[in-house]
N, C-alpha and C. Protein backbone atom coordinates (compact mmCIF):
# COMPACT_ATOMS: atom_id res chain seq x y z
N MET A 1 -1.38 12.09 18.49
CA MET A 1 -1.91 10.69 19.49
C MET A 1 -0.48 10.66 20.05
N LEU A 2 0.02 9.89 20.93
CA LEU A 2 1.04 9.90 21.33
C LEU A 2 1.26 8.25 21.49
N VAL A 3 2.73 7.77 21.57
CA VAL A 3 2.85 6.14 21.59
C VAL A 3 2.04 5.73 22.86
N LYS A 4 2.36 5.99 23.96
CA LYS A 4 1.58 5.66 25.07
C LYS A 4 0.19 5.16 25.02
N ASN A 5 -0.40 6.05 23.79
CA ASN A 5 -2.00 6.09 24.29
C ASN A 5 -2.23 4.75 23.01
N VAL A 6 -1.21 4.32 22.46
CA VAL A 6 -1.64 3.34 21.35
C VAL A 6 -0.87 2.19 21.49
N MET A 7 0.18 2.16 22.14
CA MET A 7 0.90 0.78 22.47
C MET A 7 0.56 -0.44 23.46
N ASN A 8 0.72 -1.38 22.71
CA ASN A 8 0.57 -2.77 23.66
C ASN A 8 1.45 -2.91 24.86
N LYS A 9 0.73 -2.59 26.13
CA LYS A 9 1.29 -2.54 27.18
C LYS A 9 1.64 -4.17 27.94
N ASN A 10 0.89 -5.21 27.10
CA ASN A 10 1.31 -6.61 27.59
C ASN A 10 2.58 -7.03 26.50
N VAL A 11 3.78 -6.86 26.87
CA VAL A 11 4.80 -7.04 26.06
C VAL A 11 5.03 -8.44 26.61
N MET A 12 5.60 -9.31 25.70
CA MET A 12 6.05 -10.78 26.08
C MET A 12 7.91 -10.31 25.95
N VAL A 13 8.14 -10.57 26.96
CA VAL A 13 9.69 -10.84 27.03
C VAL A 13 10.19 -11.71 27.22
N ALA A 14 11.40 -12.06 27.12
CA ALA A 14 12.13 -13.57 27.05
C ALA A 14 13.73 -13.27 27.59
N GLU A 15 14.32 -14.03 28.23
CA GLU A 15 15.47 -13.83 28.77
C GLU A 15 16.55 -14.61 27.56
N PRO A 16 17.93 -13.81 27.35
CA PRO A 16 18.96 -14.17 26.40
C PRO A 16 19.20 -15.72 26.23
N ASP A 17 19.06 -16.47 27.23
CA ASP A 17 19.20 -18.12 27.55
C ASP A 17 17.68 -18.83 26.74
N LEU A 18 16.94 -17.96 26.79
CA LEU A 18 15.70 -18.82 26.25
C LEU A 18 16.20 -19.93 25.22
N LYS A 19 15.64 -20.99 24.89
CA LYS A 19 15.67 -22.02 23.95
C LYS A 19 14.75 -21.61 23.03
N ILE A 20 15.04 -21.68 21.73
CA ILE A 20 14.31 -21.38 20.71
C ILE A 20 12.95 -21.93 20.53
N THR A 21 13.12 -23.03 21.07
CA THR A 21 11.67 -24.00 21.17
C THR A 21 10.53 -23.63 21.75
N LYS A 22 11.26 -23.13 23.10
CA LYS A 22 10.22 -22.14 24.06
C LYS A 22 9.93 -21.11 23.32
N ALA A 23 10.58 -20.31 22.94
CA ALA A 23 10.53 -18.93 22.60
C ALA A 23 9.10 -19.07 21.14
N ALA A 24 9.37 -20.17 20.36
CA ALA A 24 8.14 -20.48 19.17
C ALA A 24 7.15 -20.57 19.96
N GLU A 25 6.96 -21.70 21.19
CA GLU A 25 6.01 -21.91 21.79
C GLU A 25 5.05 -20.54 22.39
N LEU A 26 5.65 -19.65 22.71
CA LEU A 26 5.48 -18.18 23.21
C LEU A 26 4.89 -17.39 22.29
N MET A 27 5.39 -17.42 21.35
CA MET A 27 4.57 -16.73 19.95
C MET A 27 3.55 -17.32 19.34
N SER A 28 3.49 -18.76 19.62
CA SER A 28 2.47 -19.27 19.16
C SER A 28 0.96 -19.30 20.02
N LYS A 29 1.65 -19.55 21.25
CA LYS A 29 0.45 -19.26 22.20
C LYS A 29 -0.33 -17.93 22.24
N HIS A 30 0.60 -16.92 22.37
CA HIS A 30 0.12 -15.77 22.49
C HIS A 30 -0.26 -14.86 21.20
N HIS A 31 0.06 -15.68 20.19
CA HIS A 31 -0.57 -15.26 18.92
C HIS A 31 0.43 -13.80 18.38
N ILE A 32 1.49 -13.72 18.90
CA ILE A 32 2.65 -12.61 18.74
C ILE A 32 3.82 -13.11 17.74
N GLY A 33 4.58 -12.02 17.08
CA GLY A 33 5.74 -12.27 16.19
C GLY A 33 6.70 -11.83 16.72
N SER A 34 6.86 -11.54 17.96
CA SER A 34 8.19 -11.16 18.39
C SER A 34 8.51 -11.13 19.86
N LEU A 35 9.50 -11.21 20.56
CA LEU A 35 9.64 -11.09 22.03
C LEU A 35 10.75 -10.29 22.24
N VAL A 36 10.61 -9.58 23.16
CA VAL A 36 11.63 -8.49 23.38
C VAL A 36 12.63 -9.32 24.52
N VAL A 37 13.88 -9.41 24.03
CA VAL A 37 14.85 -10.10 25.29
C VAL A 37 15.33 -8.80 26.08
N ILE A 38 15.37 -9.67 27.50
CA ILE A 38 15.74 -8.20 28.31
C ILE A 38 16.64 -9.18 29.03
N ASN A 39 17.44 -8.62 30.19
CA ASN A 39 18.58 -9.68 31.13
C ASN A 39 17.86 -9.38 32.43
N LYS A 40 18.33 -9.91 33.67
CA LYS A 40 17.62 -10.09 34.69
C LYS A 40 17.62 -8.46 35.20
N LYS A 41 18.22 -7.69 34.68
CA LYS A 41 17.81 -6.54 35.40
C LYS A 41 16.84 -5.60 34.56
N GLY A 42 16.17 -6.30 33.98
CA GLY A 42 15.21 -5.48 33.17
C GLY A 42 15.72 -4.78 31.66
N GLU A 43 16.82 -4.47 31.65
CA GLU A 43 17.25 -4.14 30.31
C GLU A 43 17.26 -4.85 29.16
N VAL A 44 16.65 -3.65 27.90
CA VAL A 44 16.74 -4.73 26.62
C VAL A 44 18.06 -4.72 26.07
N LYS A 45 18.12 -6.26 25.72
CA LYS A 45 19.18 -6.67 25.02
C LYS A 45 19.14 -6.95 23.53
N GLY A 46 17.76 -7.21 23.18
CA GLY A 46 17.84 -7.32 21.81
C GLY A 46 16.01 -7.82 21.35
N ILE A 47 15.56 -8.24 20.27
CA ILE A 47 14.46 -8.45 20.03
C ILE A 47 14.38 -9.92 19.06
N LEU A 48 13.38 -10.82 19.25
CA LEU A 48 13.77 -12.06 18.87
C LEU A 48 12.52 -12.17 17.85
N THR A 49 12.14 -12.31 16.44
CA THR A 49 11.15 -12.25 15.63
C THR A 49 11.08 -13.78 14.96
N GLU A 50 9.46 -13.69 14.69
CA GLU A 50 9.61 -15.40 13.89
C GLU A 50 10.66 -15.35 12.34
N ARG A 51 10.62 -14.27 12.02
CA ARG A 51 11.52 -14.31 10.99
C ARG A 51 13.04 -14.57 11.51
N ASP A 52 13.46 -13.77 12.27
CA ASP A 52 14.79 -14.50 12.82
C ASP A 52 14.85 -16.05 13.07
N ILE A 53 13.85 -16.78 13.43
CA ILE A 53 13.55 -17.96 13.63
C ILE A 53 13.91 -19.12 11.98
N LEU A 54 13.12 -18.42 11.33
CA LEU A 54 12.73 -18.98 10.13
C LEU A 54 13.77 -18.87 9.32
N THR A 55 14.58 -17.75 9.12
CA THR A 55 15.76 -17.51 8.46
C THR A 55 17.34 -17.80 8.89
N ASP A 56 17.35 -17.82 10.24
CA ASP A 56 18.56 -18.36 11.02
C ASP A 56 18.76 -19.38 11.58
N VAL A 57 17.35 -20.14 11.58
CA VAL A 57 17.48 -21.31 12.32
C VAL A 57 16.80 -22.62 11.38
N VAL A 58 15.70 -22.24 10.79
CA VAL A 58 14.51 -23.52 10.59
C VAL A 58 15.36 -23.73 8.86
N ALA A 59 15.74 -22.20 8.18
CA ALA A 59 16.07 -22.35 6.81
C ALA A 59 17.60 -22.96 6.71
N LYS A 60 18.50 -22.52 7.52
CA LYS A 60 19.66 -23.20 7.72
C LYS A 60 20.08 -24.58 8.29
N GLY A 61 18.66 -25.12 8.53
CA GLY A 61 18.46 -26.65 9.36
C GLY A 61 19.16 -27.04 10.60
N LYS A 62 19.54 -25.88 11.23
CA LYS A 62 20.22 -26.06 12.76
C LYS A 62 19.17 -26.46 13.74
N ASN A 63 19.64 -27.15 14.49
CA ASN A 63 19.08 -28.07 15.60
C ASN A 63 18.50 -26.92 16.68
N LEU A 64 16.73 -27.03 16.76
CA LEU A 64 16.30 -26.16 17.18
C LEU A 64 16.47 -26.29 18.76
N LYS A 65 16.64 -27.29 19.31
CA LYS A 65 17.22 -27.67 20.69
C LYS A 65 18.42 -26.90 21.01
N HIS A 66 19.22 -26.73 20.41
CA HIS A 66 20.69 -26.17 20.68
C HIS A 66 20.87 -24.71 20.60
N VAL A 67 19.73 -24.19 20.10
CA VAL A 67 19.76 -22.52 19.68
C VAL A 67 19.04 -21.57 20.56
N LEU A 68 19.44 -20.86 21.21
CA LEU A 68 19.47 -20.06 22.22
C LEU A 68 18.83 -18.69 21.44
N ALA A 69 17.83 -17.50 22.14
CA ALA A 69 17.36 -16.47 22.04
C ALA A 69 18.42 -15.57 21.45
N LYS A 70 19.55 -15.66 22.36
CA LYS A 70 20.77 -14.68 22.12
C LYS A 70 21.58 -14.79 21.04
N ASN A 71 21.60 -16.16 20.48
CA ASN A 71 22.29 -16.51 19.11
C ASN A 71 21.69 -15.88 18.09
N ILE A 72 20.72 -15.71 17.82
CA ILE A 72 20.05 -15.23 16.60
C ILE A 72 19.28 -14.15 16.96
N MET A 73 18.95 -13.42 18.06
CA MET A 73 18.10 -12.18 18.32
C MET A 73 18.98 -10.97 17.81
N THR A 74 17.93 -9.91 17.10
CA THR A 74 18.84 -8.66 16.81
C THR A 74 19.13 -7.96 17.96
N LYS A 75 20.56 -7.81 17.88
CA LYS A 75 21.48 -7.08 19.04
C LYS A 75 20.81 -5.61 19.38
N HIS A 76 20.77 -4.92 17.84
CA HIS A 76 20.61 -3.40 18.10
C HIS A 76 19.09 -2.96 17.61
N VAL A 77 18.63 -2.80 18.84
CA VAL A 77 17.30 -2.69 18.89
C VAL A 77 17.02 -1.45 18.74
N VAL A 78 16.08 -0.73 17.71
CA VAL A 78 15.26 0.48 17.41
C VAL A 78 14.29 0.60 18.58
N THR A 79 14.58 1.56 19.08
CA THR A 79 13.16 1.89 20.51
C THR A 79 12.75 3.25 20.31
N ILE A 80 11.48 3.40 20.86
CA ILE A 80 11.00 4.75 21.13
C ILE A 80 10.20 5.19 22.68
N GLU A 81 10.51 6.34 22.93
CA GLU A 81 9.91 6.79 24.33
C GLU A 81 8.09 6.81 24.22
N PRO A 82 7.88 6.43 25.02
CA PRO A 82 5.85 6.42 25.31
C PRO A 82 5.73 8.00 24.85
N ASP A 83 6.46 9.14 24.96
CA ASP A 83 5.88 10.54 25.16
C ASP A 83 5.90 10.87 23.22
N LYS A 84 6.64 10.23 22.60
CA LYS A 84 6.97 10.42 21.41
C LYS A 84 4.99 10.31 20.45
N THR A 85 5.12 10.99 19.51
CA THR A 85 3.95 10.77 18.91
C THR A 85 3.93 9.35 17.85
N ILE A 86 2.89 9.19 17.44
CA ILE A 86 2.75 7.90 16.65
C ILE A 86 3.50 8.11 15.03
N GLU A 87 3.41 9.63 14.66
CA GLU A 87 4.01 10.12 13.38
C GLU A 87 5.52 10.11 13.99
N GLU A 88 5.93 10.16 14.80
CA GLU A 88 7.38 10.05 14.79
C GLU A 88 7.90 8.34 14.76
N ALA A 89 7.08 7.58 15.60
CA ALA A 89 7.19 6.31 15.31
C ALA A 89 7.23 5.88 14.17
N SER A 90 6.42 6.16 13.60
CA SER A 90 6.25 5.55 11.64
C SER A 90 7.17 6.03 11.05
N ASP A 91 7.73 7.31 11.26
CA ASP A 91 8.74 7.57 10.50
C ASP A 91 10.40 6.96 11.04
N ILE A 92 10.47 6.56 12.39
CA ILE A 92 11.40 5.64 12.71
C ILE A 92 11.25 4.48 12.27
N MET A 93 10.07 3.76 11.74
CA MET A 93 9.90 2.45 11.09
C MET A 93 10.10 2.49 9.90
N LYS A 94 10.01 3.54 8.95
CA LYS A 94 10.30 3.59 7.87
C LYS A 94 11.64 3.78 7.47
N LYS A 95 12.12 4.69 8.32
CA LYS A 95 13.84 4.83 8.14
C LYS A 95 14.54 3.64 8.47
N ASN A 96 14.11 2.68 9.43
CA ASN A 96 15.14 1.67 9.79
C ASN A 96 14.35 0.36 9.33
N LYS A 97 13.18 0.36 8.35
CA LYS A 97 12.82 -0.60 7.59
C LYS A 97 12.07 -1.96 8.70
N ILE A 98 11.44 -1.62 9.55
CA ILE A 98 11.45 -2.40 10.70
C ILE A 98 9.68 -2.23 10.93
N LYS A 99 8.85 -3.14 11.58
CA LYS A 99 7.65 -3.25 12.03
C LYS A 99 7.35 -3.07 13.49
N LYS A 100 8.04 -3.25 14.01
CA LYS A 100 7.80 -3.31 15.75
C LYS A 100 8.80 -2.18 16.39
N LEU A 101 8.37 -1.61 17.22
CA LEU A 101 9.14 -0.60 18.21
C LEU A 101 8.77 -0.95 19.80
N PRO A 102 10.03 -1.45 20.66
CA PRO A 102 9.72 -1.79 21.74
C PRO A 102 9.69 -0.30 22.40
N VAL A 103 8.88 0.10 23.20
CA VAL A 103 8.68 1.74 23.94
C VAL A 103 9.37 1.41 25.42
N ILE A 104 10.50 2.26 25.62
CA ILE A 104 11.35 2.23 26.58
C ILE A 104 11.25 3.57 27.65
N GLU A 105 11.07 3.44 28.44
CA GLU A 105 11.37 4.39 29.77
C GLU A 105 12.28 4.21 30.93
N ASN A 106 13.00 5.06 30.94
CA ASN A 106 14.04 5.18 32.05
C ASN A 106 14.83 3.59 31.90
N GLY A 107 15.00 2.98 30.74
CA GLY A 107 15.63 1.81 30.50
C GLY A 107 14.99 0.75 30.87
N LYS A 108 13.37 0.66 30.96
CA LYS A 108 12.82 -0.46 30.99
C LYS A 108 11.60 -0.75 30.08
N VAL A 109 11.04 -1.49 29.54
CA VAL A 109 10.05 -1.89 28.50
C VAL A 109 8.51 -1.49 28.99
N MET A 110 8.16 -0.41 28.54
CA MET A 110 7.35 -0.26 29.09
C MET A 110 5.71 -0.98 27.79
N GLY A 111 6.27 -0.95 26.49
CA GLY A 111 5.16 -1.38 25.66
C GLY A 111 5.99 -2.03 24.71
N ILE A 112 5.09 -2.39 23.28
CA ILE A 112 5.53 -2.37 22.23
C ILE A 112 4.03 -1.72 21.39
N ILE A 113 4.89 -0.97 20.41
CA ILE A 113 4.05 -0.38 18.97
C ILE A 113 4.33 -1.19 17.88
N THR A 114 3.65 -1.37 16.96
CA THR A 114 3.97 -2.05 15.66
C THR A 114 2.75 -0.81 14.71
N ALA A 115 3.66 -1.39 13.16
CA ALA A 115 3.06 -0.94 12.30
C ALA A 115 1.33 -0.89 12.25
N SER A 116 0.97 -2.10 12.35
CA SER A 116 -0.58 -2.26 11.97
C SER A 116 -1.29 -1.62 13.42
N ASP A 117 -0.53 -1.37 14.70
CA ASP A 117 -1.53 -0.31 15.57
C ASP A 117 -1.31 0.98 14.93
N ILE A 118 -0.58 1.46 14.43
CA ILE A 118 -0.67 2.92 13.56
C ILE A 118 -1.77 3.06 12.70
N VAL A 119 -1.64 2.06 12.02
CA VAL A 119 -2.50 1.91 10.71
C VAL A 119 -4.05 1.59 11.39
N THR A 120 -4.24 1.38 12.20
CA THR A 120 -5.41 1.09 12.97
C THR A 120 -6.08 2.39 13.34
N VAL A 121 -5.06 2.86 14.43
CA VAL A 121 -5.42 3.90 14.79
C VAL A 121 -5.75 5.47 14.30
N GLN A 122 -4.93 5.32 13.23
CA GLN A 122 -4.32 6.47 12.66
C GLN A 122 -4.39 6.21 11.11
N PRO A 123 -5.48 6.54 10.12
CA PRO A 123 -4.96 5.99 8.65
C PRO A 123 -4.37 6.97 7.82
N ARG A 124 -4.31 7.99 8.30
CA ARG A 124 -3.64 9.20 7.66
C ARG A 124 -2.01 9.16 7.55
N VAL A 125 -1.24 8.30 8.29
CA VAL A 125 0.17 7.96 8.06
C VAL A 125 0.11 6.83 7.57
N MET A 126 -1.01 6.07 7.03
CA MET A 126 -0.64 4.88 6.40
C MET A 126 0.51 4.97 4.95
N ARG A 127 0.44 6.07 4.35
CA ARG A 127 1.35 6.22 3.28
C ARG A 127 2.99 5.78 3.68
N LYS A 128 3.20 6.16 5.35
CA LYS A 128 4.29 6.19 5.53
C LYS A 128 5.10 4.41 5.93
N VAL A 129 3.74 3.62 6.42
CA VAL A 129 4.17 2.19 6.64
C VAL A 129 3.55 1.44 5.30
N ARG A 130 3.01 1.69 4.57
CA ARG A 130 2.50 0.91 3.18
C ARG A 130 3.17 -0.14 2.96
N ARG A 131 4.32 0.37 3.07
CA ARG A 131 5.56 -0.50 2.37
C ARG A 131 5.97 -1.72 3.29
N LEU A 132 5.53 -1.31 4.49
CA LEU A 132 6.10 -2.31 5.40
C LEU A 132 5.14 -3.24 5.81
N LEU A 133 3.78 -2.94 5.64
CA LEU A 133 2.56 -3.79 6.27
C LEU A 133 1.31 -3.45 5.13
N GLY A 134 0.79 -5.00 4.87
CA GLY A 134 -0.51 -4.62 4.15
C GLY A 134 -1.53 -4.15 5.08
N VAL A 135 -2.45 -3.75 4.79
CA VAL A 135 -3.41 -3.13 5.71
C VAL A 135 -4.61 -3.96 6.17
N ASP A 136 -4.61 -4.30 7.30
CA ASP A 136 -5.97 -4.99 7.57
C ASP A 136 -7.20 -4.34 7.41
N PHE A 137 -7.69 -5.09 6.37
CA PHE A 137 -9.28 -4.47 6.08
C PHE A 137 -10.33 -4.72 6.95
N ARG A 138 -10.00 -5.35 8.13
CA ARG A 138 -11.26 -5.95 8.68
C ARG A 138 -11.38 -4.95 9.56
N THR A 139 -10.50 -3.91 9.63
CA THR A 139 -10.91 -2.35 10.77
C THR A 139 -11.56 -1.70 10.13
N LYS A 140 -12.36 -0.85 10.69
CA LYS A 140 -13.46 0.29 9.90
C LYS A 140 -12.52 1.23 8.76
N GLU A 141 -11.49 1.40 9.26
CA GLU A 141 -10.65 2.67 8.30
C GLU A 141 -10.12 1.86 7.04
N GLY A 142 -9.87 0.44 7.67
CA GLY A 142 -9.56 -0.04 6.37
C GLY A 142 -10.43 -0.20 5.32
N GLY A 143 -11.73 -0.96 5.65
CA GLY A 143 -12.71 -1.21 4.92
C GLY A 143 -13.19 -0.14 4.21
N ILE A 144 -13.03 1.54 4.93
CA ILE A 144 -13.15 2.42 4.11
C ILE A 144 -12.24 2.82 3.03
N ARG A 145 -11.01 2.69 2.92
CA ARG A 145 -9.85 2.51 2.38
C ARG A 145 -10.03 1.25 0.89
N LEU A 146 -10.45 0.18 1.66
CA LEU A 146 -10.97 -0.70 0.68
C LEU A 146 -11.99 -0.25 -0.63
N THR A 147 -12.98 0.18 -0.13
CA THR A 147 -14.16 0.89 -0.92
C THR A 147 -13.75 1.72 -1.75
N GLN A 148 -12.94 2.83 -1.13
CA GLN A 148 -12.46 3.82 -2.19
C GLN A 148 -11.72 3.37 -3.48
N GLY A 149 -10.51 2.30 -2.72
CA GLY A 149 -9.69 2.11 -3.80
C GLY A 149 -10.51 1.05 -5.15
N PHE A 150 -11.48 0.34 -4.59
CA PHE A 150 -12.44 -0.32 -5.50
C PHE A 150 -13.29 0.39 -6.29
N TYR A 151 -13.59 1.92 -5.68
CA TYR A 151 -14.13 2.84 -6.43
C TYR A 151 -13.14 3.41 -7.50
N LEU A 152 -11.89 3.82 -7.22
CA LEU A 152 -11.37 4.42 -8.12
C LEU A 152 -10.66 3.41 -9.20
N MET A 153 -10.31 2.07 -9.00
CA MET A 153 -10.11 1.31 -9.96
C MET A 153 -10.95 1.03 -11.03
N LEU A 154 -12.19 0.86 -10.51
CA LEU A 154 -13.53 1.00 -11.52
C LEU A 154 -13.72 2.01 -12.43
N LYS A 155 -13.66 3.25 -11.74
CA LYS A 155 -13.41 4.39 -12.31
C LYS A 155 -12.37 4.79 -13.64
N SER A 156 -11.40 3.83 -13.41
CA SER A 156 -10.04 4.10 -14.25
C SER A 156 -10.77 2.89 -15.27
N LYS A 157 -11.10 2.13 -14.81
CA LYS A 157 -11.43 0.81 -15.91
C LYS A 157 -12.09 1.62 -16.98
N ILE A 158 -13.25 2.34 -16.20
CA ILE A 158 -14.72 2.86 -17.16
C ILE A 158 -14.03 4.33 -18.19
N ASN A 159 -13.25 4.73 -17.75
CA ASN A 159 -12.30 5.74 -18.15
C ASN A 159 -11.49 5.22 -19.53
N THR A 160 -10.84 4.19 -19.66
CA THR A 160 -10.10 3.66 -20.28
C THR A 160 -11.21 2.96 -21.24
N ILE A 161 -12.32 2.84 -20.96
CA ILE A 161 -12.82 1.94 -21.96
C ILE A 161 -13.55 3.07 -23.02
N PHE A 162 -14.56 3.84 -22.04
CA PHE A 162 -15.27 4.92 -23.04
C PHE A 162 -13.99 5.83 -23.78
N GLY A 163 -13.00 6.08 -23.12
CA GLY A 163 -11.92 6.79 -23.92
C GLY A 163 -11.45 5.92 -25.30
N SER A 164 -11.38 4.75 -24.96
CA SER A 164 -11.03 3.93 -26.45
C SER A 164 -12.05 3.84 -27.16
N PHE A 165 -13.31 3.85 -26.99
CA PHE A 165 -14.20 3.89 -27.80
C PHE A 165 -14.59 5.24 -28.43
N GLN A 166 -14.44 6.25 -27.63
CA GLN A 166 -14.30 7.79 -28.14
C GLN A 166 -13.14 7.64 -29.23
N ILE A 167 -12.07 7.11 -28.89
CA ILE A 167 -11.19 7.48 -30.04
C ILE A 167 -11.38 6.71 -31.63
N LEU A 168 -11.90 5.64 -31.20
CA LEU A 168 -12.46 4.68 -32.22
C LEU A 168 -13.36 5.37 -33.22
N LEU A 169 -14.41 5.97 -32.61
CA LEU A 169 -15.38 6.89 -33.19
C LEU A 169 -14.70 7.77 -33.72
N GLY A 170 -13.76 8.44 -33.06
CA GLY A 170 -13.47 9.97 -33.83
C GLY A 170 -12.50 9.53 -35.07
N ILE A 171 -12.13 8.41 -35.03
CA ILE A 171 -11.31 7.85 -36.20
C ILE A 171 -12.06 7.70 -37.06
N ILE A 172 -13.44 6.86 -36.96
CA ILE A 172 -14.25 6.61 -37.97
C ILE A 172 -15.02 7.43 -38.70
N SER A 173 -15.03 8.63 -37.76
CA SER A 173 -15.67 9.52 -38.32
C SER A 173 -14.85 10.60 -39.59
N ILE A 174 -13.84 10.44 -38.62
CA ILE A 174 -13.07 11.11 -39.73
C ILE A 174 -12.55 10.66 -41.28
N ILE A 175 -12.68 9.35 -41.07
CA ILE A 175 -12.18 8.48 -42.47
C ILE A 175 -13.46 8.44 -42.99
N GLY A 176 -14.49 8.23 -42.50
CA GLY A 176 -15.75 8.51 -43.26
C GLY A 176 -16.07 9.91 -44.00
N VAL A 177 -15.39 10.81 -43.22
CA VAL A 177 -15.88 12.18 -43.98
C VAL A 177 -14.73 12.32 -45.34
N TYR A 178 -13.82 11.57 -44.56
CA TYR A 178 -12.51 11.81 -45.77
C TYR A 178 -13.42 11.08 -47.40
N MET A 179 -13.83 9.69 -46.61
CA MET A 179 -14.42 8.89 -47.91
C MET A 179 -15.54 9.61 -48.64
N PHE A 180 -16.56 10.21 -48.14
CA PHE A 180 -17.76 10.91 -48.49
C PHE A 180 -17.49 11.93 -49.50
N TYR A 181 -16.46 12.62 -48.79
CA TYR A 181 -15.98 13.98 -49.69
C TYR A 181 -15.08 13.79 -51.01
N HIS A 182 -14.57 12.55 -51.02
CA HIS A 182 -14.24 12.16 -52.71
C HIS A 182 -15.59 11.69 -53.48
N GLN A 183 -16.53 11.43 -52.87
CA GLN A 183 -17.73 10.65 -53.54
C GLN A 183 -18.53 12.21 -54.26
N VAL A 184 -17.71 12.90 -54.90
CA VAL A 184 -18.26 14.22 -55.55
C VAL A 184 -19.44 14.11 -56.21
N GLU A 185 -19.45 13.40 -57.15
CA GLU A 185 -20.55 13.19 -57.96
C GLU A 185 -21.93 12.68 -57.36
N PHE A 186 -21.86 11.79 -56.32
CA PHE A 186 -22.72 11.43 -55.28
C PHE A 186 -23.21 12.21 -54.38
N LEU A 187 -22.38 12.94 -54.06
CA LEU A 187 -22.61 14.09 -53.21
C LEU A 187 -23.34 15.22 -53.75
N GLN A 188 -23.24 15.66 -54.78
CA GLN A 188 -23.67 16.91 -55.47
C GLN A 188 -24.97 16.91 -55.81
N THR A 189 -25.46 15.37 -56.00
CA THR A 189 -27.06 14.98 -55.94
C THR A 189 -27.61 14.96 -54.86
N ILE A 190 -27.00 14.90 -53.89
CA ILE A 190 -27.47 14.96 -52.62
C ILE A 190 -27.70 16.55 -51.87
N VAL A 191 -26.30 17.39 -51.83
CA VAL A 191 -26.09 18.82 -51.28
C VAL A 191 -25.72 19.42 -52.53
N PRO A 192 -26.61 20.06 -53.47
CA PRO A 192 -26.19 20.77 -54.58
C PRO A 192 -25.07 21.54 -54.41
N SER A 193 -25.32 22.75 -53.05
CA SER A 193 -24.55 23.69 -52.59
C SER A 193 -22.96 23.08 -52.33
N ASP A 194 -21.94 24.06 -52.90
CA ASP A 194 -20.60 23.48 -52.50
C ASP A 194 -20.42 24.30 -51.12
N LEU A 195 -20.80 25.44 -51.14
CA LEU A 195 -20.64 26.15 -49.89
C LEU A 195 -21.01 25.08 -48.55
N PHE A 196 -22.62 24.78 -48.42
CA PHE A 196 -23.24 24.03 -47.81
C PHE A 196 -22.69 22.85 -47.29
N ARG A 197 -21.91 22.00 -48.69
CA ARG A 197 -21.59 20.73 -48.35
C ARG A 197 -20.04 20.88 -47.82
N THR A 198 -19.44 22.12 -48.18
CA THR A 198 -18.07 22.13 -47.15
C THR A 198 -18.18 22.37 -45.70
N PHE A 199 -19.53 23.11 -45.32
CA PHE A 199 -19.93 23.11 -44.13
C PHE A 199 -20.30 22.15 -43.22
N ILE A 200 -21.04 21.31 -44.07
CA ILE A 200 -21.16 19.94 -43.41
C ILE A 200 -19.75 19.14 -43.34
N PHE A 201 -18.82 19.06 -44.17
CA PHE A 201 -17.75 18.15 -43.86
C PHE A 201 -17.04 18.94 -42.49
N PHE A 202 -17.03 20.41 -42.70
CA PHE A 202 -16.28 20.92 -41.54
C PHE A 202 -16.83 20.43 -40.30
N ILE A 203 -18.18 20.53 -40.17
CA ILE A 203 -19.00 19.98 -38.80
C ILE A 203 -18.43 19.04 -38.19
N LEU A 204 -18.61 17.56 -39.34
CA LEU A 204 -18.35 16.29 -38.94
C LEU A 204 -16.85 16.14 -38.40
N THR A 205 -15.83 16.83 -39.31
CA THR A 205 -14.62 16.71 -38.96
C THR A 205 -14.59 17.16 -37.52
N VAL A 206 -14.89 18.41 -37.48
CA VAL A 206 -14.64 19.02 -35.79
C VAL A 206 -15.37 17.83 -35.22
N ILE A 207 -16.36 17.32 -35.41
CA ILE A 207 -17.05 16.17 -34.30
C ILE A 207 -16.28 15.15 -34.13
N GLY A 208 -15.56 14.59 -34.81
CA GLY A 208 -14.43 13.38 -35.34
C GLY A 208 -13.53 13.97 -34.50
N GLY A 209 -12.81 15.36 -34.50
CA GLY A 209 -11.68 15.38 -33.75
C GLY A 209 -11.95 15.63 -32.40
N LEU A 210 -13.56 16.15 -31.77
CA LEU A 210 -13.53 16.35 -30.66
C LEU A 210 -13.85 14.68 -29.89
N PHE A 211 -14.28 13.86 -30.43
CA PHE A 211 -14.44 12.56 -30.15
C PHE A 211 -12.83 12.13 -29.62
N LEU A 212 -11.73 12.42 -30.93
CA LEU A 212 -10.36 11.79 -30.42
C LEU A 212 -9.92 12.80 -29.11
N ILE A 213 -10.43 13.73 -28.99
CA ILE A 213 -9.82 14.57 -27.93
C ILE A 213 -10.23 14.22 -26.58
N SER A 214 -11.59 13.76 -26.48
CA SER A 214 -12.27 13.65 -25.34
C SER A 214 -11.68 11.93 -25.23
N GLY A 215 -11.50 11.48 -26.22
CA GLY A 215 -11.15 10.02 -25.77
C GLY A 215 -9.88 10.06 -25.15
N PHE A 216 -8.77 10.77 -25.88
CA PHE A 216 -7.60 10.73 -24.98
C PHE A 216 -7.28 11.22 -23.40
N PHE A 217 -8.39 12.09 -23.74
CA PHE A 217 -8.39 12.77 -22.21
C PHE A 217 -8.96 11.89 -21.17
N LEU A 218 -10.15 10.86 -21.43
CA LEU A 218 -10.40 9.93 -20.80
C LEU A 218 -9.27 8.78 -20.73
N LEU A 219 -8.63 8.32 -21.31
CA LEU A 219 -7.91 7.53 -21.51
C LEU A 219 -6.27 8.23 -20.50
N SER A 220 -6.20 9.29 -20.34
CA SER A 220 -5.21 10.13 -19.39
C SER A 220 -5.65 9.76 -18.08
N LEU A 221 -6.90 10.16 -17.69
CA LEU A 221 -7.76 9.59 -16.54
C LEU A 221 -7.60 8.40 -16.04
N GLY A 222 -7.60 7.45 -17.18
CA GLY A 222 -7.60 5.90 -16.54
C GLY A 222 -6.21 5.50 -16.34
N THR A 223 -5.17 6.28 -16.81
CA THR A 223 -3.89 5.62 -16.45
C THR A 223 -3.29 6.17 -14.88
């Protein structure tokens, strides 16, 4: 799948001299987290994000009225072409540790693609962007992954519980066999044959050992 099939074509742009207060209003109004900053020729000069405003203005106590987009925008903008694949887009995001890529063709902004766009349309590339973005489980694919994740977690807990229980049974069985084996006089009255008595102890010991082995195996599945 190509970037141009996924990207959002309605890109909100801003001029470098736009005041931060106005930029924040635009982001809030349109429910977006960034503005692509372009000059009068339509060339991309930077990108301004909510994080830029928070970390470079609000956190530092600057006066919002006197700060312009060009003062805090990221000037080195990583972009992508519309005919690139979304796999290539996800690789670029991962390499540069970013969540948004302006889509550029012939020096002009054609759209923007985000990590959430990629996750929504093609869940198999989620591994590449999961460190950048929490999955939106409101999507169909996200709901499936949530169900699968819950199932795997439950399965792991069950394996751990049953594994621990079987190890406990194995230990009790072996200790019990050892204790009863030393009650020779009592055992002789119940099982007179030494050979048959030894055979019973051997079987019980094997059962205890199997409990231990299966218990440790289940524990390994639960980790």
